[in-house]
Amino acid sequence: MIAIDDFGCKESSPERVAQVKPNILKLDRQLLLDYMEGTKEPLLNGIKLAKECHAKTVIEGVETEQQLEAMKALDIDFFQGYHLAMPQALLPRLKLVS
């Protein structure tokens, strides 16, 4: 599976999405912040683009209940952020002896 991270900033552009055809489009936290401040179009366009490419969407940076509720009202598949869970260390890998 292919994912494009941080869509909406720097080189993660609609052109790159069309070229790569990802399975998952991770929408950058800044799109969420802009949406919450009233600039809704960039996030809505990102969601629309993902759906047109048949990619699942992840919104990054959900840090409050208000943000979570606003994002749940949109057609987003998955949510990521400190409000939902804090990062945790992975358990050390066991070395397999052959």
PDB file of N, CA and C in Angstrom:
ATOM      1  N   MET A   1       0.840  -1.183   0.000  1.00  0.00           N
ATOM      2  CA  MET A   1       0.000   0.000   0.000  1.00  0.00           C
ATOM      3  C   MET A   1       0.884   1.245   0.000  1.00  0.00           C
ATOM      4  N   ILE A   2       0.367   2.298  -0.576  1.00  0.00           N
ATOM      5  CA  ILE A   2       1.106   3.556  -0.669  1.00  0.00           C
ATOM      6  C   ILE A   2       0.319   4.641   0.056  1.00  0.00           C
ATOM      7  N   ALA A   3       1.040   5.440   0.852  1.00  0.00           N
ATOM      8  CA  ALA A   3       0.428   6.587   1.531  1.00  0.00           C
ATOM      9  C   ALA A   3       1.215   7.842   1.182  1.00  0.00           C
ATOM     10  N   ILE A   4       0.506   8.936   1.045  1.00  0.00           N
ATOM     11  CA  ILE A   4       1.140  10.245   0.914  1.00  0.00           C
ATOM     12  C   ILE A   4       0.901  10.960   2.232  1.00  0.00           C
ATOM     13  N   ASP A   5       1.990  11.379   2.858  1.00  0.00           N
ATOM     14  CA  ASP A   5       1.941  12.039   4.158  1.00  0.00           C
ATOM     15  C   ASP A   5       1.943  13.553   3.974  1.00  0.00           C
ATOM     16  N   ASP A   6       1.381  14.241   4.946  1.00  0.00           N
ATOM     17  CA  ASP A   6       1.419  15.711   5.003  1.00  0.00           C
ATOM     18  C   ASP A   6       0.823  16.382   3.774  1.00  0.00           C
ATOM     19  N   PHE A   7      -0.255  15.817   3.225  1.00  0.00           N
ATOM     20  CA  PHE A   7      -0.878  16.444   2.060  1.00  0.00           C
ATOM     21  C   PHE A   7      -1.364  17.841   2.443  1.00  0.00           C
ATOM     22  N   GLY A   8      -1.102  18.776   1.567  1.00  0.00           N
ATOM     23  CA  GLY A   8      -1.528  20.152   1.794  1.00  0.00           C
ATOM     24  C   GLY A   8      -0.377  21.065   2.138  1.00  0.00           C
ATOM     25  N   CYS A   9       0.823  20.493   2.280  1.00  0.00           N
ATOM     26  CA  CYS A   9       1.989  21.338   2.530  1.00  0.00           C
ATOM     27  C   CYS A   9       3.139  20.883   1.645  1.00  0.00           C
ATOM     28  N   LYS A  10       3.998  21.792   1.317  1.00  0.00           N
ATOM     29  CA  LYS A  10       5.211  21.550   0.527  1.00  0.00           C
ATOM     30  C   LYS A  10       4.916  20.804  -0.774  1.00  0.00           C
ATOM     31  N   GLU A  11       5.592  19.690  -0.999  1.00  0.00           N
ATOM     32  CA  GLU A  11       5.487  18.990  -2.278  1.00  0.00           C
ATOM     33  C   GLU A  11       4.297  18.048  -2.388  1.00  0.00           C
ATOM     34  N   SER A  12       3.551  17.856  -1.328  1.00  0.00           N
ATOM     35  CA  SER A  12       2.378  16.972  -1.392  1.00  0.00           C
ATOM     36  C   SER A  12       1.235  17.740  -2.056  1.00  0.00           C
ATOM     37  N   SER A  13       1.167  17.644  -3.364  1.00  0.00           N
ATOM     38  CA  SER A  13       0.237  18.434  -4.163  1.00  0.00           C
ATOM     39  C   SER A  13      -0.776  17.526  -4.862  1.00  0.00           C
ATOM     40  N   PRO A  14      -1.858  18.116  -5.396  1.00  0.00           N
ATOM     41  CA  PRO A  14      -2.813  17.320  -6.181  1.00  0.00           C
ATOM     42  C   PRO A  14      -2.142  16.606  -7.353  1.00  0.00           C
ATOM     43  N   GLU A  15      -1.149  17.239  -7.963  1.00  0.00           N
ATOM     44  CA  GLU A  15      -0.438  16.617  -9.084  1.00  0.00           C
ATOM     45  C   GLU A  15       0.293  15.349  -8.629  1.00  0.00           C
ATOM     46  N   ARG A  16       0.908  15.413  -7.465  1.00  0.00           N
ATOM     47  CA  ARG A  16       1.609  14.233  -6.943  1.00  0.00           C
ATOM     48  C   ARG A  16       0.618  13.121  -6.617  1.00  0.00           C
ATOM     49  N   VAL A  17      -0.528  13.480  -6.052  1.00  0.00           N
ATOM     50  CA  VAL A  17      -1.553  12.479  -5.739  1.00  0.00           C
ATOM     51  C   VAL A  17      -2.001  11.788  -7.026  1.00  0.00           C
ATOM     52  N   ALA A  18      -2.254  12.559  -8.069  1.00  0.00           N
ATOM     53  CA  ALA A  18      -2.687  11.982  -9.347  1.00  0.00           C
ATOM     54  C   ALA A  18      -1.614  11.068  -9.936  1.00  0.00           C
ATOM     55  N   GLN A  19      -0.354  11.439  -9.761  1.00  0.00           N
ATOM     56  CA  GLN A  19       0.747  10.648 -10.298  1.00  0.00           C
ATOM     57  C   GLN A  19       0.953   9.357  -9.500  1.00  0.00           C
ATOM     58  N   VAL A  20       0.913   9.445  -8.168  1.00  0.00           N
ATOM     59  CA  VAL A  20       1.227   8.305  -7.308  1.00  0.00           C
ATOM     60  C   VAL A  20       0.025   7.371  -7.115  1.00  0.00           C
ATOM     61  N   LYS A  21      -1.179   7.947  -7.117  1.00  0.00           N
ATOM     62  CA  LYS A  21      -2.406   7.178  -6.875  1.00  0.00           C
ATOM     63  C   LYS A  21      -2.311   6.389  -5.560  1.00  0.00           C
ATOM     64  N   PRO A  22      -2.209   7.099  -4.433  1.00  0.00           N
ATOM     65  CA  PRO A  22      -2.014   6.425  -3.152  1.00  0.00           C
ATOM     66  C   PRO A  22      -3.268   5.702  -2.670  1.00  0.00           C
ATOM     67  N   ASN A  23      -3.054   4.763  -1.769  1.00  0.00           N
ATOM     68  CA  ASN A  23      -4.168   4.097  -1.093  1.00  0.00           C
ATOM     69  C   ASN A  23      -4.661   4.933   0.081  1.00  0.00           C
ATOM     70  N   ILE A  24      -3.748   5.722   0.646  1.00  0.00           N
ATOM     71  CA  ILE A  24      -4.057   6.545   1.818  1.00  0.00           C
ATOM     72  C   ILE A  24      -3.514   7.943   1.584  1.00  0.00           C
ATOM     73  N   LEU A  25      -4.339   8.943   1.888  1.00  0.00           N
ATOM     74  CA  LEU A  25      -3.912  10.339   1.826  1.00  0.00           C
ATOM     75  C   LEU A  25      -4.010  10.916   3.232  1.00  0.00           C
ATOM     76  N   LYS A  26      -2.848  11.233   3.816  1.00  0.00           N
ATOM     77  CA  LYS A  26      -2.808  11.811   5.151  1.00  0.00           C
ATOM     78  C   LYS A  26      -2.853  13.326   5.015  1.00  0.00           C
ATOM     79  N   LEU A  27      -3.907  13.924   5.526  1.00  0.00           N
ATOM     80  CA  LEU A  27      -4.140  15.358   5.405  1.00  0.00           C
ATOM     81  C   LEU A  27      -3.397  16.083   6.521  1.00  0.00           C
ATOM     82  N   ASP A  28      -2.557  17.026   6.152  1.00  0.00           N
ATOM     83  CA  ASP A  28      -1.707  17.731   7.103  1.00  0.00           C
ATOM     84  C   ASP A  28      -2.508  18.472   8.171  1.00  0.00           C
ATOM     85  N   ARG A  29      -1.949  18.527   9.357  1.00  0.00           N
ATOM     86  CA  ARG A  29      -2.583  19.195  10.493  1.00  0.00           C
ATOM     87  C   ARG A  29      -2.934  20.652  10.188  1.00  0.00           C
ATOM     88  N   GLN A  30      -2.131  21.310   9.389  1.00  0.00           N
ATOM     89  CA  GLN A  30      -2.409  22.716   9.082  1.00  0.00           C
ATOM     90  C   GLN A  30      -3.756  22.882   8.384  1.00  0.00           C
ATOM     91  N   LEU A  31      -4.151  21.896   7.562  1.00  0.00           N
ATOM     92  CA  LEU A  31      -5.468  21.958   6.931  1.00  0.00           C
ATOM     93  C   LEU A  31      -6.572  21.924   7.988  1.00  0.00           C
ATOM     94  N   LEU A  32      -6.382  21.098   9.030  1.00  0.00           N
ATOM     95  CA  LEU A  32      -7.338  21.052  10.133  1.00  0.00           C
ATOM     96  C   LEU A  32      -7.400  22.403  10.843  1.00  0.00           C
ATOM     97  N   LEU A  33      -6.238  22.964  11.169  1.00  0.00           N
ATOM     98  CA  LEU A  33      -6.195  24.248  11.871  1.00  0.00           C
ATOM     99  C   LEU A  33      -6.843  25.351  11.044  1.00  0.00           C
ATOM    100  N   ASP A  34      -6.539  25.378   9.751  1.00  0.00           N
ATOM    101  CA  ASP A  34      -7.144  26.384   8.871  1.00  0.00           C
ATOM    102  C   ASP A  34      -8.661  26.205   8.818  1.00  0.00           C
ATOM    103  N   TYR A  35      -9.107  24.962   8.738  1.00  0.00           N
ATOM    104  CA  TYR A  35     -10.540  24.665   8.711  1.00  0.00           C
ATOM    105  C   TYR A  35     -11.218  25.199   9.975  1.00  0.00           C
ATOM    106  N   MET A  36     -10.598  24.956  11.106  1.00  0.00           N
ATOM    107  CA  MET A  36     -11.172  25.396  12.383  1.00  0.00           C
ATOM    108  C   MET A  36     -11.216  26.920  12.481  1.00  0.00           C
ATOM    109  N   GLU A  37     -10.323  27.602  11.751  1.00  0.00           N
ATOM    110  CA  GLU A  37     -10.284  29.067  11.746  1.00  0.00           C
ATOM    111  C   GLU A  37     -11.180  29.670  10.666  1.00  0.00           C
ATOM    112  N   GLY A  38     -11.848  28.809   9.881  1.00  0.00           N
ATOM    113  CA  GLY A  38     -12.788  29.307   8.883  1.00  0.00           C
ATOM    114  C   GLY A  38     -12.358  29.148   7.442  1.00  0.00           C
ATOM    115  N   THR A  39     -11.116  28.759   7.192  1.00  0.00           N
ATOM    116  CA  THR A  39     -10.654  28.530   5.831  1.00  0.00           C
ATOM    117  C   THR A  39     -10.865  27.054   5.524  1.00  0.00           C
ATOM    118  N   LYS A  40     -12.042  26.733   5.042  1.00  0.00           N
ATOM    119  CA  LYS A  40     -12.475  25.343   4.907  1.00  0.00           C
ATOM    120  C   LYS A  40     -12.098  24.694   3.579  1.00  0.00           C
ATOM    121  N   GLU A  41     -11.975  25.485   2.527  1.00  0.00           N
ATOM    122  CA  GLU A  41     -11.812  24.947   1.178  1.00  0.00           C
ATOM    123  C   GLU A  41     -10.602  24.028   1.000  1.00  0.00           C
ATOM    124  N   PRO A  42      -9.399  24.367   1.500  1.00  0.00           N
ATOM    125  CA  PRO A  42      -8.265  23.461   1.273  1.00  0.00           C
ATOM    126  C   PRO A  42      -8.490  22.048   1.830  1.00  0.00           C
ATOM    127  N   LEU A  43      -9.038  21.930   3.021  1.00  0.00           N
ATOM    128  CA  LEU A  43      -9.305  20.605   3.585  1.00  0.00           C
ATOM    129  C   LEU A  43     -10.385  19.889   2.792  1.00  0.00           C
ATOM    130  N   LEU A  44     -11.450  20.582   2.472  1.00  0.00           N
ATOM    131  CA  LEU A  44     -12.535  19.962   1.707  1.00  0.00           C
ATOM    132  C   LEU A  44     -12.051  19.512   0.334  1.00  0.00           C
ATOM    133  N   ASN A  45     -11.181  20.300  -0.295  1.00  0.00           N
ATOM    134  CA  ASN A  45     -10.614  19.905  -1.586  1.00  0.00           C
ATOM    135  C   ASN A  45      -9.733  18.674  -1.454  1.00  0.00           C
ATOM    136  N   GLY A  46      -8.969  18.584  -0.367  1.00  0.00           N
ATOM    137  CA  GLY A  46      -8.136  17.410  -0.126  1.00  0.00           C
ATOM    138  C   GLY A  46      -8.968  16.151   0.047  1.00  0.00           C
ATOM    139  N   ILE A  47     -10.063  16.258   0.790  1.00  0.00           N
ATOM    140  CA  ILE A  47     -10.961  15.117   0.982  1.00  0.00           C
ATOM    141  C   ILE A  47     -11.563  14.694  -0.360  1.00  0.00           C
ATOM    142  N   LYS A  48     -11.998  15.676  -1.131  1.00  0.00           N
ATOM    143  CA  LYS A  48     -12.593  15.393  -2.444  1.00  0.00           C
ATOM    144  C   LYS A  48     -11.585  14.704  -3.364  1.00  0.00           C
ATOM    145  N   LEU A  49     -10.360  15.206  -3.383  1.00  0.00           N
ATOM    146  CA  LEU A  49      -9.315  14.611  -4.214  1.00  0.00           C
ATOM    147  C   LEU A  49      -9.066  13.160  -3.818  1.00  0.00           C
ATOM    148  N   ALA A  50      -8.986  12.895  -2.527  1.00  0.00           N
ATOM    149  CA  ALA A  50      -8.759  11.520  -2.051  1.00  0.00           C
ATOM    150  C   ALA A  50      -9.884  10.606  -2.503  1.00  0.00           C
ATOM    151  N   LYS A  51     -11.112  11.060  -2.370  1.00  0.00           N
ATOM    152  CA  LYS A  51     -12.254  10.235  -2.758  1.00  0.00           C
ATOM    153  C   LYS A  51     -12.243   9.967  -4.270  1.00  0.00           C
ATOM    154  N   GLU A  52     -11.862  10.972  -5.050  1.00  0.00           N
ATOM    155  CA  GLU A  52     -11.782  10.788  -6.502  1.00  0.00           C
ATOM    156  C   GLU A  52     -10.730   9.747  -6.874  1.00  0.00           C
ATOM    157  N   CYS A  53      -9.670   9.650  -6.062  1.00  0.00           N
ATOM    158  CA  CYS A  53      -8.593   8.683  -6.311  1.00  0.00           C
ATOM    159  C   CYS A  53      -8.832   7.361  -5.581  1.00  0.00           C
ATOM    160  N   HIS A  54      -9.965   7.248  -4.916  1.00  0.00           N
ATOM    161  CA  HIS A  54     -10.312   6.048  -4.139  1.00  0.00           C
ATOM    162  C   HIS A  54      -9.309   5.780  -3.021  1.00  0.00           C
ATOM    163  N   ALA A  55      -8.768   6.856  -2.441  1.00  0.00           N
ATOM    164  CA  ALA A  55      -7.825   6.733  -1.324  1.00  0.00           C
ATOM    165  C   ALA A  55      -8.567   6.969  -0.012  1.00  0.00           C
ATOM    166  N   LYS A  56      -8.174   6.247   1.002  1.00  0.00           N
ATOM    167  CA  LYS A  56      -8.673   6.492   2.353  1.00  0.00           C
ATOM    168  C   LYS A  56      -8.024   7.767   2.860  1.00  0.00           C
ATOM    169  N   THR A  57      -8.703   8.460   3.760  1.00  0.00           N
ATOM    170  CA  THR A  57      -8.180   9.707   4.303  1.00  0.00           C
ATOM    171  C   THR A  57      -7.869   9.574   5.789  1.00  0.00           C
ATOM    172  N   VAL A  58      -6.802  10.255   6.192  1.00  0.00           N
ATOM    173  CA  VAL A  58      -6.416  10.374   7.594  1.00  0.00           C
ATOM    174  C   VAL A  58      -6.207  11.855   7.863  1.00  0.00           C
ATOM    175  N   ILE A  59      -6.831  12.388   8.900  1.00  0.00           N
ATOM    176  CA  ILE A  59      -6.565  13.767   9.299  1.00  0.00           C
ATOM    177  C   ILE A  59      -5.568  13.731  10.445  1.00  0.00           C
ATOM    178  N   GLU A  60      -4.481  14.460  10.302  1.00  0.00           N
ATOM    179  CA  GLU A  60      -3.422  14.492  11.302  1.00  0.00           C
ATOM    180  C   GLU A  60      -3.653  15.628  12.296  1.00  0.00           C
ATOM    181  N   GLY A  61      -3.175  15.430  13.515  1.00  0.00           N
ATOM    182  CA  GLY A  61      -3.098  16.524  14.477  1.00  0.00           C
ATOM    183  C   GLY A  61      -4.359  16.841  15.237  1.00  0.00           C
ATOM    184  N   VAL A  62      -5.228  15.879  15.454  1.00  0.00           N
ATOM    185  CA  VAL A  62      -6.440  16.120  16.244  1.00  0.00           C
ATOM    186  C   VAL A  62      -6.027  16.210  17.712  1.00  0.00           C
ATOM    187  N   GLU A  63      -6.149  17.404  18.287  1.00  0.00           N
ATOM    188  CA  GLU A  63      -5.674  17.620  19.652  1.00  0.00           C
ATOM    189  C   GLU A  63      -6.763  18.009  20.638  1.00  0.00           C
ATOM    190  N   THR A  64      -7.982  18.251  20.157  1.00  0.00           N
ATOM    191  CA  THR A  64      -9.069  18.632  21.068  1.00  0.00           C
ATOM    192  C   THR A  64     -10.351  17.904  20.678  1.00  0.00           C
ATOM    193  N   GLU A  65     -11.282  17.844  21.612  1.00  0.00           N
ATOM    194  CA  GLU A  65     -12.593  17.245  21.336  1.00  0.00           C
ATOM    195  C   GLU A  65     -13.321  18.048  20.264  1.00  0.00           C
ATOM    196  N   GLN A  66     -13.193  19.353  20.299  1.00  0.00           N
ATOM    197  CA  GLN A  66     -13.843  20.215  19.296  1.00  0.00           C
ATOM    198  C   GLN A  66     -13.329  19.890  17.892  1.00  0.00           C
ATOM    199  N   GLN A  67     -12.025  19.723  17.760  1.00  0.00           N
ATOM    200  CA  GLN A  67     -11.457  19.365  16.458  1.00  0.00           C
ATOM    201  C   GLN A  67     -11.958  17.992  16.013  1.00  0.00           C
ATOM    202  N   LEU A  68     -11.987  17.033  16.939  1.00  0.00           N
ATOM    203  CA  LEU A  68     -12.447  15.688  16.604  1.00  0.00           C
ATOM    204  C   LEU A  68     -13.880  15.716  16.106  1.00  0.00           C
ATOM    205  N   GLU A  69     -14.746  16.425  16.795  1.00  0.00           N
ATOM    206  CA  GLU A  69     -16.155  16.496  16.391  1.00  0.00           C
ATOM    207  C   GLU A  69     -16.311  17.166  15.031  1.00  0.00           C
ATOM    208  N   ALA A  70     -15.545  18.222  14.783  1.00  0.00           N
ATOM    209  CA  ALA A  70     -15.610  18.903  13.481  1.00  0.00           C
ATOM    210  C   ALA A  70     -15.144  17.974  12.362  1.00  0.00           C
ATOM    211  N   MET A  71     -14.092  17.198  12.619  1.00  0.00           N
ATOM    212  CA  MET A  71     -13.567  16.294  11.597  1.00  0.00           C
ATOM    213  C   MET A  71     -14.497  15.097  11.391  1.00  0.00           C
ATOM    214  N   LYS A  72     -15.155  14.647  12.435  1.00  0.00           N
ATOM    215  CA  LYS A  72     -16.115  13.546  12.299  1.00  0.00           C
ATOM    216  C   LYS A  72     -17.285  13.938  11.403  1.00  0.00           C
ATOM    217  N   ALA A  73     -17.601  15.218  11.355  1.00  0.00           N
ATOM    218  CA  ALA A  73     -18.711  15.695  10.533  1.00  0.00           C
ATOM    219  C   ALA A  73     -18.365  15.678   9.035  1.00  0.00           C
ATOM    220  N   LEU A  74     -17.091  15.484   8.720  1.00  0.00           N
ATOM    221  CA  LEU A  74     -16.643  15.445   7.329  1.00  0.00           C
ATOM    222  C   LEU A  74     -16.499  13.986   6.884  1.00  0.00           C
ATOM    223  N   ASP A  75     -16.248  13.777   5.621  1.00  0.00           N
ATOM    224  CA  ASP A  75     -16.114  12.425   5.068  1.00  0.00           C
ATOM    225  C   ASP A  75     -14.661  11.962   5.158  1.00  0.00           C
ATOM    226  N   ILE A  76     -14.160  11.853   6.407  1.00  0.00           N
ATOM    227  CA  ILE A  76     -12.785  11.430   6.671  1.00  0.00           C
ATOM    228  C   ILE A  76     -12.836  10.031   7.256  1.00  0.00           C
ATOM    229  N   ASP A  77     -11.906   9.178   6.840  1.00  0.00           N
ATOM    230  CA  ASP A  77     -11.923   7.776   7.257  1.00  0.00           C
ATOM    231  C   ASP A  77     -11.261   7.533   8.612  1.00  0.00           C
ATOM    232  N   PHE A  78     -10.113   8.190   8.868  1.00  0.00           N
ATOM    233  CA  PHE A  78      -9.354   7.924  10.086  1.00  0.00           C
ATOM    234  C   PHE A  78      -8.868   9.233  10.703  1.00  0.00           C
ATOM    235  N   PHE A  79      -8.622   9.190  12.011  1.00  0.00           N
ATOM    236  CA  PHE A  79      -8.216  10.369  12.771  1.00  0.00           C
ATOM    237  C   PHE A  79      -6.950  10.039  13.554  1.00  0.00           C
ATOM    238  N   GLN A  80      -6.027  10.994  13.609  1.00  0.00           N
ATOM    239  CA  GLN A  80      -4.753  10.798  14.298  1.00  0.00           C
ATOM    240  C   GLN A  80      -4.447  12.037  15.110  1.00  0.00           C
ATOM    241  N   GLY A  81      -3.984  11.859  16.341  1.00  0.00           N
ATOM    242  CA  GLY A  81      -3.570  13.012  17.128  1.00  0.00           C
ATOM    243  C   GLY A  81      -3.525  12.719  18.607  1.00  0.00           C
ATOM    244  N   TYR A  82      -2.927  13.652  19.346  1.00  0.00           N
ATOM    245  CA  TYR A  82      -2.742  13.504  20.791  1.00  0.00           C
ATOM    246  C   TYR A  82      -4.052  13.376  21.546  1.00  0.00           C
ATOM    247  N   HIS A  83      -5.125  13.940  21.020  1.00  0.00           N
ATOM    248  CA  HIS A  83      -6.421  13.832  21.699  1.00  0.00           C
ATOM    249  C   HIS A  83      -6.879  12.373  21.748  1.00  0.00           C
ATOM    250  N   LEU A  84      -6.489  11.602  20.780  1.00  0.00           N
ATOM    251  CA  LEU A  84      -6.918  10.212  20.681  1.00  0.00           C
ATOM    252  C   LEU A  84      -5.965   9.263  21.393  1.00  0.00           C
ATOM    253  N   ALA A  85      -4.689   9.512  21.303  1.00  0.00           N
ATOM    254  CA  ALA A  85      -3.694   8.667  21.970  1.00  0.00           C
ATOM    255  C   ALA A  85      -2.326   9.324  21.871  1.00  0.00           C
ATOM    256  N   MET A  86      -1.553   9.140  22.902  1.00  0.00           N
ATOM    257  CA  MET A  86      -0.178   9.633  22.902  1.00  0.00           C
ATOM    258  C   MET A  86       0.706   8.568  22.246  1.00  0.00           C
ATOM    259  N   PRO A  87       1.774   8.985  21.567  1.00  0.00           N
ATOM    260  CA  PRO A  87       2.688   8.005  20.979  1.00  0.00           C
ATOM    261  C   PRO A  87       3.276   7.105  22.059  1.00  0.00           C
ATOM    262  N   GLN A  88       3.488   5.869  21.714  1.00  0.00           N
ATOM    263  CA  GLN A  88       4.087   4.916  22.637  1.00  0.00           C
ATOM    264  C   GLN A  88       5.257   4.234  21.954  1.00  0.00           C
ATOM    265  N   ALA A  89       6.240   3.876  22.759  1.00  0.00           N
ATOM    266  CA  ALA A  89       7.403   3.177  22.233  1.00  0.00           C
ATOM    267  C   ALA A  89       6.999   1.765  21.817  1.00  0.00           C
ATOM    268  N   LEU A  90       7.610   1.293  20.747  1.00  0.00           N
ATOM    269  CA  LEU A  90       7.398  -0.083  20.322  1.00  0.00           C
ATOM    270  C   LEU A  90       8.215  -1.000  21.216  1.00  0.00           C
ATOM    271  N   LEU A  91       7.732  -2.196  21.409  1.00  0.00           N
ATOM    272  CA  LEU A  91       8.503  -3.177  22.152  1.00  0.00           C
ATOM    273  C   LEU A  91       9.725  -3.541  21.349  1.00  0.00           C
ATOM    274  N   PRO A  92      10.834  -3.835  22.013  1.00  0.00           N
ATOM    275  CA  PRO A  92      12.039  -4.223  21.252  1.00  0.00           C
ATOM    276  C   PRO A  92      11.754  -5.479  20.425  1.00  0.00           C
ATOM    277  N   ARG A  93      12.331  -5.515  19.250  1.00  0.00           N
ATOM    278  CA  ARG A  93      12.150  -6.675  18.384  1.00  0.00           C
ATOM    279  C   ARG A  93      12.984  -7.842  18.909  1.00  0.00           C
ATOM    280  N   LEU A  94      12.427  -9.009  18.829  1.00  0.00           N
ATOM    281  CA  LEU A  94      13.160 -10.215  19.192  1.00  0.00           C
ATOM    282  C   LEU A  94      13.979 -10.659  17.995  1.00  0.00           C
ATOM    283  N   LYS A  95      15.213 -11.019  18.227  1.00  0.00           N
ATOM    284  CA  LYS A  95      16.054 -11.514  17.135  1.00  0.00           C
ATOM    285  C   LYS A  95      15.792 -12.997  16.963  1.00  0.00           C
ATOM    286  N   LEU A  96      15.509 -13.369  15.746  1.00  0.00           N
ATOM    287  CA  LEU A  96      15.264 -14.772  15.431  1.00  0.00           C
ATOM    288  C   LEU A  96      16.587 -15.427  15.087  1.00  0.00           C
ATOM    289  N   VAL A  97      16.809 -16.555  15.648  1.00  0.00           N
ATOM    290  CA  VAL A  97      18.027 -17.311  15.390  1.00  0.00           C
ATOM    291  C   VAL A  97      17.655 -18.458  14.458  1.00  0.00           C
ATOM    292  N   SER A  98      18.386 -18.560  13.360  1.00  0.00           N
ATOM    293  CA  SER A  98      18.069 -19.643  12.422  1.00  0.00           C
ATOM    294  C   SER A  98      19.080 -20.755  12.505  1.00  0.00           C
TER     295      SER A  98
END
